[in-house]
Amino acid sequence: MLPRVLSDCLRSFFGLVTGTDGSLPEFEQLQVPRLRSDACRRLARALAEAYEVIYAAVMDPENCYSDPKSLVRHSPDQIRTILEI
C-alpha cells in the first residue's frame, strides 16, 4: 500500500479510536447497558488486533517502507491503552 494511502487510513482509524470522529451511533441504540458495554469491548479488541497486524506489516523490513515509524507512530500496546483494554 502506498504510504500516503496508509497514512490517510490510519488517520481515520485514530479519529475513531480517540473519538474525534464521533462515537458509533449504532452502539447508542443498544438499550441494554450490558450489551452495549460488551459490544464496545469487542470492538475495541478487534480494532487493537487489526492495528497490531498493520503495525507488524509496516514495521517488517521486507515490506520496504522507508520510514515506518512515521506511519505507525503508536505501538500496539499504546493503542490498547487508548482503547482501555
PDB file of N, CA and C in Angstrom:
ATOM      1  N   MET A   1       0.856  -1.175   0.000  1.00  0.00           N
ATOM      2  CA  MET A   1       0.000   0.000   0.000  1.00  0.00           C
ATOM      3  C   MET A   1       0.898   1.234   0.000  1.00  0.00           C
ATOM      4  N   LEU A   2       0.496   2.214  -0.746  1.00  0.00           N
ATOM      5  CA  LEU A   2       1.254   3.460  -0.796  1.00  0.00           C
ATOM      6  C   LEU A   2       1.259   4.134   0.579  1.00  0.00           C
ATOM      7  N   PRO A   3       2.408   4.681   0.985  1.00  0.00           N
ATOM      8  CA  PRO A   3       2.483   5.336   2.294  1.00  0.00           C
ATOM      9  C   PRO A   3       1.422   6.419   2.492  1.00  0.00           C
ATOM     10  N   ARG A   4       1.129   7.203   1.448  1.00  0.00           N
ATOM     11  CA  ARG A   4       0.127   8.275   1.571  1.00  0.00           C
ATOM     12  C   ARG A   4      -1.252   7.698   1.879  1.00  0.00           C
ATOM     13  N   VAL A   5      -1.607   6.616   1.189  1.00  0.00           N
ATOM     14  CA  VAL A   5      -2.908   5.973   1.401  1.00  0.00           C
ATOM     15  C   VAL A   5      -2.971   5.373   2.804  1.00  0.00           C
ATOM     16  N   LEU A   6      -1.891   4.711   3.205  1.00  0.00           N
ATOM     17  CA  LEU A   6      -1.833   4.123   4.542  1.00  0.00           C
ATOM     18  C   LEU A   6      -1.957   5.206   5.610  1.00  0.00           C
ATOM     19  N   SER A   7      -1.288   6.310   5.400  1.00  0.00           N
ATOM     20  CA  SER A   7      -1.355   7.419   6.349  1.00  0.00           C
ATOM     21  C   SER A   7      -2.784   7.947   6.481  1.00  0.00           C
ATOM     22  N   ASP A   8      -3.484   8.091   5.371  1.00  0.00           N
ATOM     23  CA  ASP A   8      -4.882   8.547   5.406  1.00  0.00           C
ATOM     24  C   ASP A   8      -5.768   7.552   6.151  1.00  0.00           C
ATOM     25  N   CYS A   9      -5.558   6.270   5.894  1.00  0.00           N
ATOM     26  CA  CYS A   9      -6.343   5.228   6.577  1.00  0.00           C
ATOM     27  C   CYS A   9      -6.091   5.248   8.079  1.00  0.00           C
ATOM     28  N   LEU A  10      -4.830   5.383   8.457  1.00  0.00           N
ATOM     29  CA  LEU A  10      -4.503   5.405   9.884  1.00  0.00           C
ATOM     30  C   LEU A  10      -5.031   6.665  10.558  1.00  0.00           C
ATOM     31  N   ARG A  11      -5.069   7.759   9.838  1.00  0.00           N
ATOM     32  CA  ARG A  11      -5.642   8.996  10.397  1.00  0.00           C
ATOM     33  C   ARG A  11      -7.130   8.779  10.718  1.00  0.00           C
ATOM     34  N   SER A  12      -7.838   8.118   9.812  1.00  0.00           N
ATOM     35  CA  SER A  12      -9.253   7.794  10.053  1.00  0.00           C
ATOM     36  C   SER A  12      -9.395   6.838  11.227  1.00  0.00           C
ATOM     37  N   PHE A  13      -8.513   5.852  11.278  1.00  0.00           N
ATOM     38  CA  PHE A  13      -8.519   4.884  12.377  1.00  0.00           C
ATOM     39  C   PHE A  13      -8.345   5.602  13.715  1.00  0.00           C
ATOM     40  N   PHE A  14      -7.359   6.494  13.803  1.00  0.00           N
ATOM     41  CA  PHE A  14      -7.114   7.195  15.060  1.00  0.00           C
ATOM     42  C   PHE A  14      -8.254   8.134  15.414  1.00  0.00           C
ATOM     43  N   GLY A  15      -8.916   8.690  14.412  1.00  0.00           N
ATOM     44  CA  GLY A  15     -10.099   9.506  14.686  1.00  0.00           C
ATOM     45  C   GLY A  15     -11.181   8.686  15.355  1.00  0.00           C
ATOM     46  N   LEU A  16     -11.351   7.458  14.896  1.00  0.00           N
ATOM     47  CA  LEU A  16     -12.335   6.557  15.501  1.00  0.00           C
ATOM     48  C   LEU A  16     -11.903   6.145  16.904  1.00  0.00           C
ATOM     49  N   VAL A  17     -10.638   5.781  17.041  1.00  0.00           N
ATOM     50  CA  VAL A  17     -10.124   5.296  18.326  1.00  0.00           C
ATOM     51  C   VAL A  17     -10.155   6.379  19.398  1.00  0.00           C
ATOM     52  N   THR A  18      -9.778   7.586  19.031  1.00  0.00           N
ATOM     53  CA  THR A  18      -9.716   8.659  20.025  1.00  0.00           C
ATOM     54  C   THR A  18     -11.035   9.386  20.210  1.00  0.00           C
ATOM     55  N   GLY A  19     -12.006   9.077  19.357  1.00  0.00           N
ATOM     56  CA  GLY A  19     -13.315   9.690  19.490  1.00  0.00           C
ATOM     57  C   GLY A  19     -13.444  11.036  18.824  1.00  0.00           C
ATOM     58  N   THR A  20     -12.418  11.497  18.105  1.00  0.00           N
ATOM     59  CA  THR A  20     -12.514  12.801  17.451  1.00  0.00           C
ATOM     60  C   THR A  20     -13.425  12.761  16.231  1.00  0.00           C
ATOM     61  N   ASP A  21     -13.687  11.560  15.710  1.00  0.00           N
ATOM     62  CA  ASP A  21     -14.634  11.426  14.596  1.00  0.00           C
ATOM     63  C   ASP A  21     -16.037  11.094  15.100  1.00  0.00           C
ATOM     64  N   GLY A  22     -16.232  11.200  16.390  1.00  0.00           N
ATOM     65  CA  GLY A  22     -17.536  10.891  16.971  1.00  0.00           C
ATOM     66  C   GLY A  22     -17.653   9.428  17.352  1.00  0.00           C
ATOM     67  N   SER A  23     -18.656   9.130  18.142  1.00  0.00           N
ATOM     68  CA  SER A  23     -18.865   7.747  18.555  1.00  0.00           C
ATOM     69  C   SER A  23     -19.687   7.021  17.498  1.00  0.00           C
ATOM     70  N   LEU A  24     -19.772   5.731  17.658  1.00  0.00           N
ATOM     71  CA  LEU A  24     -20.561   4.933  16.727  1.00  0.00           C
ATOM     72  C   LEU A  24     -22.026   5.008  17.132  1.00  0.00           C
ATOM     73  N   PRO A  25     -22.865   5.621  16.329  1.00  0.00           N
ATOM     74  CA  PRO A  25     -24.271   5.801  16.703  1.00  0.00           C
ATOM     75  C   PRO A  25     -25.008   4.472  16.871  1.00  0.00           C
ATOM     76  N   GLU A  26     -24.535   3.433  16.206  1.00  0.00           N
ATOM     77  CA  GLU A  26     -25.190   2.129  16.338  1.00  0.00           C
ATOM     78  C   GLU A  26     -25.157   1.637  17.781  1.00  0.00           C
ATOM     79  N   PHE A  27     -24.075   1.924  18.502  1.00  0.00           N
ATOM     80  CA  PHE A  27     -23.970   1.483  19.890  1.00  0.00           C
ATOM     81  C   PHE A  27     -24.937   2.238  20.792  1.00  0.00           C
ATOM     82  N   GLU A  28     -25.205   3.470  20.462  1.00  0.00           N
ATOM     83  CA  GLU A  28     -26.120   4.270  21.272  1.00  0.00           C
ATOM     84  C   GLU A  28     -27.538   3.717  21.212  1.00  0.00           C
ATOM     85  N   GLN A  29     -27.867   2.994  20.159  1.00  0.00           N
ATOM     86  CA  GLN A  29     -29.203   2.422  20.013  1.00  0.00           C
ATOM     87  C   GLN A  29     -29.406   1.175  20.867  1.00  0.00           C
ATOM     88  N   LEU A  30     -28.324   0.592  21.350  1.00  0.00           N
ATOM     89  CA  LEU A  30     -28.452  -0.587  22.212  1.00  0.00           C
ATOM     90  C   LEU A  30     -28.997  -0.142  23.568  1.00  0.00           C
ATOM     91  N   GLN A  31     -30.156  -0.646  23.928  1.00  0.00           N
ATOM     92  CA  GLN A  31     -30.830  -0.210  25.144  1.00  0.00           C
ATOM     93  C   GLN A  31     -30.299  -0.875  26.413  1.00  0.00           C
ATOM     94  N   VAL A  32     -29.799  -2.093  26.281  1.00  0.00           N
ATOM     95  CA  VAL A  32     -29.320  -2.832  27.452  1.00  0.00           C
ATOM     96  C   VAL A  32     -27.856  -2.462  27.699  1.00  0.00           C
ATOM     97  N   PRO A  33     -27.561  -1.828  28.836  1.00  0.00           N
ATOM     98  CA  PRO A  33     -26.194  -1.371  29.103  1.00  0.00           C
ATOM     99  C   PRO A  33     -25.139  -2.477  28.999  1.00  0.00           C
ATOM    100  N   ARG A  34     -25.476  -3.666  29.485  1.00  0.00           N
ATOM    101  CA  ARG A  34     -24.514  -4.764  29.443  1.00  0.00           C
ATOM    102  C   ARG A  34     -24.168  -5.131  28.000  1.00  0.00           C
ATOM    103  N   LEU A  35     -25.172  -5.162  27.130  1.00  0.00           N
ATOM    104  CA  LEU A  35     -24.934  -5.478  25.722  1.00  0.00           C
ATOM    105  C   LEU A  35     -24.119  -4.378  25.046  1.00  0.00           C
ATOM    106  N   ARG A  36     -24.435  -3.130  25.361  1.00  0.00           N
ATOM    107  CA  ARG A  36     -23.697  -2.003  24.795  1.00  0.00           C
ATOM    108  C   ARG A  36     -22.233  -2.060  25.235  1.00  0.00           C
ATOM    109  N   SER A  37     -22.009  -2.327  26.504  1.00  0.00           N
ATOM    110  CA  SER A  37     -20.653  -2.429  27.029  1.00  0.00           C
ATOM    111  C   SER A  37     -19.888  -3.584  26.383  1.00  0.00           C
ATOM    112  N   ASP A  38     -20.561  -4.726  26.235  1.00  0.00           N
ATOM    113  CA  ASP A  38     -19.931  -5.891  25.616  1.00  0.00           C
ATOM    114  C   ASP A  38     -19.576  -5.602  24.160  1.00  0.00           C
ATOM    115  N   ALA A  39     -20.470  -4.946  23.437  1.00  0.00           N
ATOM    116  CA  ALA A  39     -20.212  -4.605  22.034  1.00  0.00           C
ATOM    117  C   ALA A  39     -19.020  -3.652  21.924  1.00  0.00           C
ATOM    118  N   CYS A  40     -18.957  -2.670  22.797  1.00  0.00           N
ATOM    119  CA  CYS A  40     -17.837  -1.724  22.787  1.00  0.00           C
ATOM    120  C   CYS A  40     -16.521  -2.428  23.096  1.00  0.00           C
ATOM    121  N   ARG A  41     -16.545  -3.320  24.060  1.00  0.00           N
ATOM    122  CA  ARG A  41     -15.344  -4.063  24.439  1.00  0.00           C
ATOM    123  C   ARG A  41     -14.861  -4.945  23.286  1.00  0.00           C
ATOM    124  N   ARG A  42     -15.797  -5.623  22.629  1.00  0.00           N
ATOM    125  CA  ARG A  42     -15.429  -6.487  21.497  1.00  0.00           C
ATOM    126  C   ARG A  42     -14.867  -5.669  20.339  1.00  0.00           C
ATOM    127  N   LEU A  43     -15.479  -4.530  20.079  1.00  0.00           N
ATOM    128  CA  LEU A  43     -14.983  -3.665  19.013  1.00  0.00           C
ATOM    129  C   LEU A  43     -13.576  -3.172  19.344  1.00  0.00           C
ATOM    130  N   ALA A  44     -13.351  -2.786  20.578  1.00  0.00           N
ATOM    131  CA  ALA A  44     -12.027  -2.316  20.986  1.00  0.00           C
ATOM    132  C   ALA A  44     -10.983  -3.405  20.769  1.00  0.00           C
ATOM    133  N   ARG A  45     -11.302  -4.631  21.141  1.00  0.00           N
ATOM    134  CA  ARG A  45     -10.360  -5.743  20.927  1.00  0.00           C
ATOM    135  C   ARG A  45     -10.093  -5.957  19.440  1.00  0.00           C
ATOM    136  N   ALA A  46     -11.148  -5.919  18.630  1.00  0.00           N
ATOM    137  CA  ALA A  46     -10.992  -6.121  17.184  1.00  0.00           C
ATOM    138  C   ALA A  46     -10.133  -5.010  16.569  1.00  0.00           C
ATOM    139  N   LEU A  47     -10.350  -3.770  17.001  1.00  0.00           N
ATOM    140  CA  LEU A  47      -9.546  -2.656  16.498  1.00  0.00           C
ATOM    141  C   LEU A  47      -8.080  -2.815  16.893  1.00  0.00           C
ATOM    142  N   ALA A  48      -7.838  -3.212  18.130  1.00  0.00           N
ATOM    143  CA  ALA A  48      -6.462  -3.403  18.595  1.00  0.00           C
ATOM    144  C   ALA A  48      -5.773  -4.525  17.821  1.00  0.00           C
ATOM    145  N   GLU A  49      -6.485  -5.611  17.578  1.00  0.00           N
ATOM    146  CA  GLU A  49      -5.905  -6.725  16.824  1.00  0.00           C
ATOM    147  C   GLU A  49      -5.612  -6.317  15.383  1.00  0.00           C
ATOM    148  N   ALA A  50      -6.518  -5.585  14.767  1.00  0.00           N
ATOM    149  CA  ALA A  50      -6.304  -5.128  13.392  1.00  0.00           C
ATOM    150  C   ALA A  50      -5.103  -4.184  13.321  1.00  0.00           C
ATOM    151  N   TYR A  51      -4.999  -3.291  14.290  1.00  0.00           N
ATOM    152  CA  TYR A  51      -3.867  -2.370  14.302  1.00  0.00           C
ATOM    153  C   TYR A  51      -2.557  -3.125  14.468  1.00  0.00           C
ATOM    154  N   GLU A  52      -2.565  -4.148  15.298  1.00  0.00           N
ATOM    155  CA  GLU A  52      -1.343  -4.930  15.512  1.00  0.00           C
ATOM    156  C   GLU A  52      -0.873  -5.585  14.208  1.00  0.00           C
ATOM    157  N   VAL A  53      -1.804  -6.071  13.403  1.00  0.00           N
ATOM    158  CA  VAL A  53      -1.460  -6.666  12.103  1.00  0.00           C
ATOM    159  C   VAL A  53      -0.855  -5.600  11.183  1.00  0.00           C
ATOM    160  N   ILE A  54      -1.488  -4.434  11.136  1.00  0.00           N
ATOM    161  CA  ILE A  54      -0.985  -3.342  10.296  1.00  0.00           C
ATOM    162  C   ILE A  54       0.393  -2.898  10.775  1.00  0.00           C
ATOM    163  N   TYR A  55       0.537  -2.750  12.080  1.00  0.00           N
ATOM    164  CA  TYR A  55       1.810  -2.324  12.666  1.00  0.00           C
ATOM    165  C   TYR A  55       2.928  -3.294  12.288  1.00  0.00           C
ATOM    166  N   ALA A  56       2.672  -4.583  12.436  1.00  0.00           N
ATOM    167  CA  ALA A  56       3.684  -5.593  12.107  1.00  0.00           C
ATOM    168  C   ALA A  56       4.055  -5.537  10.628  1.00  0.00           C
ATOM    169  N   ALA A  57       3.068  -5.355   9.774  1.00  0.00           N
ATOM    170  CA  ALA A  57       3.336  -5.298   8.333  1.00  0.00           C
ATOM    171  C   ALA A  57       4.161  -4.065   7.969  1.00  0.00           C
ATOM    172  N   VAL A  58       3.831  -2.936   8.550  1.00  0.00           N
ATOM    173  CA  VAL A  58       4.561  -1.702   8.238  1.00  0.00           C
ATOM    174  C   VAL A  58       5.984  -1.763   8.783  1.00  0.00           C
ATOM    175  N   MET A  59       6.168  -2.312   9.956  1.00  0.00           N
ATOM    176  CA  MET A  59       7.492  -2.382  10.567  1.00  0.00           C
ATOM    177  C   MET A  59       8.375  -3.473   9.958  1.00  0.00           C
ATOM    178  N   ASP A  60       7.795  -4.419   9.239  1.00  0.00           N
ATOM    179  CA  ASP A  60       8.553  -5.510   8.622  1.00  0.00           C
ATOM    180  C   ASP A  60       9.452  -4.949   7.518  1.00  0.00           C
ATOM    181  N   PRO A  61      10.770  -5.103   7.646  1.00  0.00           N
ATOM    182  CA  PRO A  61      11.693  -4.567   6.641  1.00  0.00           C
ATOM    183  C   PRO A  61      11.450  -5.114   5.231  1.00  0.00           C
ATOM    184  N   GLU A  62      10.893  -6.291   5.130  1.00  0.00           N
ATOM    185  CA  GLU A  62      10.627  -6.881   3.816  1.00  0.00           C
ATOM    186  C   GLU A  62       9.574  -6.095   3.026  1.00  0.00           C
ATOM    187  N   ASN A  63       8.775  -5.289   3.713  1.00  0.00           N
ATOM    188  CA  ASN A  63       7.743  -4.510   3.030  1.00  0.00           C
ATOM    189  C   ASN A  63       8.250  -3.154   2.541  1.00  0.00           C
ATOM    190  N   CYS A  64       9.493  -2.846   2.865  1.00  0.00           N
ATOM    191  CA  CYS A  64      10.228  -1.696   2.298  1.00  0.00           C
ATOM    192  C   CYS A  64       9.588  -0.325   2.515  1.00  0.00           C
ATOM    193  N   TYR A  65       8.994  -0.099   3.666  1.00  0.00           N
ATOM    194  CA  TYR A  65       8.553   1.264   3.968  1.00  0.00           C
ATOM    195  C   TYR A  65       9.789   2.044   4.402  1.00  0.00           C
ATOM    196  N   SER A  66      10.035   3.174   3.777  1.00  0.00           N
ATOM    197  CA  SER A  66      11.278   3.910   4.025  1.00  0.00           C
ATOM    198  C   SER A  66      11.349   4.491   5.439  1.00  0.00           C
ATOM    199  N   ASP A  67      10.240   4.916   5.982  1.00  0.00           N
ATOM    200  CA  ASP A  67      10.215   5.484   7.336  1.00  0.00           C
ATOM    201  C   ASP A  67       8.988   4.952   8.076  1.00  0.00           C
ATOM    202  N   PRO A  68       9.031   3.686   8.481  1.00  0.00           N
ATOM    203  CA  PRO A  68       7.832   3.071   9.063  1.00  0.00           C
ATOM    204  C   PRO A  68       7.330   3.750  10.338  1.00  0.00           C
ATOM    205  N   LYS A  69       8.251   4.281  11.142  1.00  0.00           N
ATOM    206  CA  LYS A  69       7.817   4.905  12.399  1.00  0.00           C
ATOM    207  C   LYS A  69       7.040   6.198  12.176  1.00  0.00           C
ATOM    208  N   SER A  70       7.174   6.787  11.007  1.00  0.00           N
ATOM    209  CA  SER A  70       6.373   7.983  10.720  1.00  0.00           C
ATOM    210  C   SER A  70       4.944   7.598  10.332  1.00  0.00           C
ATOM    211  N   LEU A  71       4.755   6.345   9.909  1.00  0.00           N
ATOM    212  CA  LEU A  71       3.416   5.872   9.536  1.00  0.00           C
ATOM    213  C   LEU A  71       2.663   5.316  10.737  1.00  0.00           C
ATOM    214  N   VAL A  72       3.338   4.482  11.515  1.00  0.00           N
ATOM    215  CA  VAL A  72       2.702   3.890  12.703  1.00  0.00           C
ATOM    216  C   VAL A  72       3.417   4.451  13.930  1.00  0.00           C
ATOM    217  N   ARG A  73       2.912   5.551  14.395  1.00  0.00           N
ATOM    218  CA  ARG A  73       3.570   6.289  15.476  1.00  0.00           C
ATOM    219  C   ARG A  73       3.296   5.705  16.849  1.00  0.00           C
ATOM    220  N   HIS A  74       2.278   4.881  16.947  1.00  0.00           N
ATOM    221  CA  HIS A  74       1.914   4.296  18.238  1.00  0.00           C
ATOM    222  C   HIS A  74       2.152   2.798  18.192  1.00  0.00           C
ATOM    223  N   SER A  75       2.634   2.260  19.288  1.00  0.00           N
ATOM    224  CA  SER A  75       2.815   0.813  19.377  1.00  0.00           C
ATOM    225  C   SER A  75       1.455   0.159  19.620  1.00  0.00           C
ATOM    226  N   PRO A  76       1.344  -1.137  19.360  1.00  0.00           N
ATOM    227  CA  PRO A  76       0.091  -1.834  19.682  1.00  0.00           C
ATOM    228  C   PRO A  76      -0.289  -1.704  21.163  1.00  0.00           C
ATOM    229  N   ASP A  77       0.706  -1.695  22.050  1.00  0.00           N
ATOM    230  CA  ASP A  77       0.402  -1.521  23.479  1.00  0.00           C
ATOM    231  C   ASP A  77      -0.212  -0.151  23.756  1.00  0.00           C
ATOM    232  N   GLN A  78       0.271   0.867  23.083  1.00  0.00           N
ATOM    233  CA  GLN A  78      -0.299   2.203  23.268  1.00  0.00           C
ATOM    234  C   GLN A  78      -1.746   2.253  22.782  1.00  0.00           C
ATOM    235  N   ILE A  79      -2.028   1.565  21.691  1.00  0.00           N
ATOM    236  CA  ILE A  79      -3.400   1.521  21.177  1.00  0.00           C
ATOM    237  C   ILE A  79      -4.306   0.816  22.176  1.00  0.00           C
ATOM    238  N   ARG A  80      -3.822  -0.280  22.750  1.00  0.00           N
ATOM    239  CA  ARG A  80      -4.630  -0.977  23.762  1.00  0.00           C
ATOM    240  C   ARG A  80      -4.891  -0.070  24.964  1.00  0.00           C
ATOM    241  N   THR A  81      -3.906   0.734  25.338  1.00  0.00           N
ATOM    242  CA  THR A  81      -4.094   1.671  26.450  1.00  0.00           C
ATOM    243  C   THR A  81      -5.142   2.724  26.089  1.00  0.00           C
ATOM    244  N   ILE A  82      -5.051   3.271  24.890  1.00  0.00           N
ATOM    245  CA  ILE A  82      -6.029   4.271  24.443  1.00  0.00           C
ATOM    246  C   ILE A  82      -7.435   3.677  24.446  1.00  0.00           C
ATOM    247  N   LEU A  83      -7.530   2.414  24.009  1.00  0.00           N
ATOM    248  CA  LEU A  83      -8.830   1.738  23.944  1.00  0.00           C
ATOM    249  C   LEU A  83      -9.275   1.179  25.298  1.00  0.00           C
ATOM    250  N   GLU A  84      -8.409   1.323  26.292  1.00  0.00           N
ATOM    251  CA  GLU A  84      -8.702   0.864  27.658  1.00  0.00           C
ATOM    252  C   GLU A  84      -8.975  -0.635  27.720  1.00  0.00           C
ATOM    253  N   ILE A  85      -8.126  -1.400  27.026  1.00  0.00           N
ATOM    254  CA  ILE A  85      -8.248  -2.864  27.109  1.00  0.00           C
ATOM    255  C   ILE A  85      -6.948  -3.471  27.584  1.00  0.00           C
TER     256      ILE A  85
END
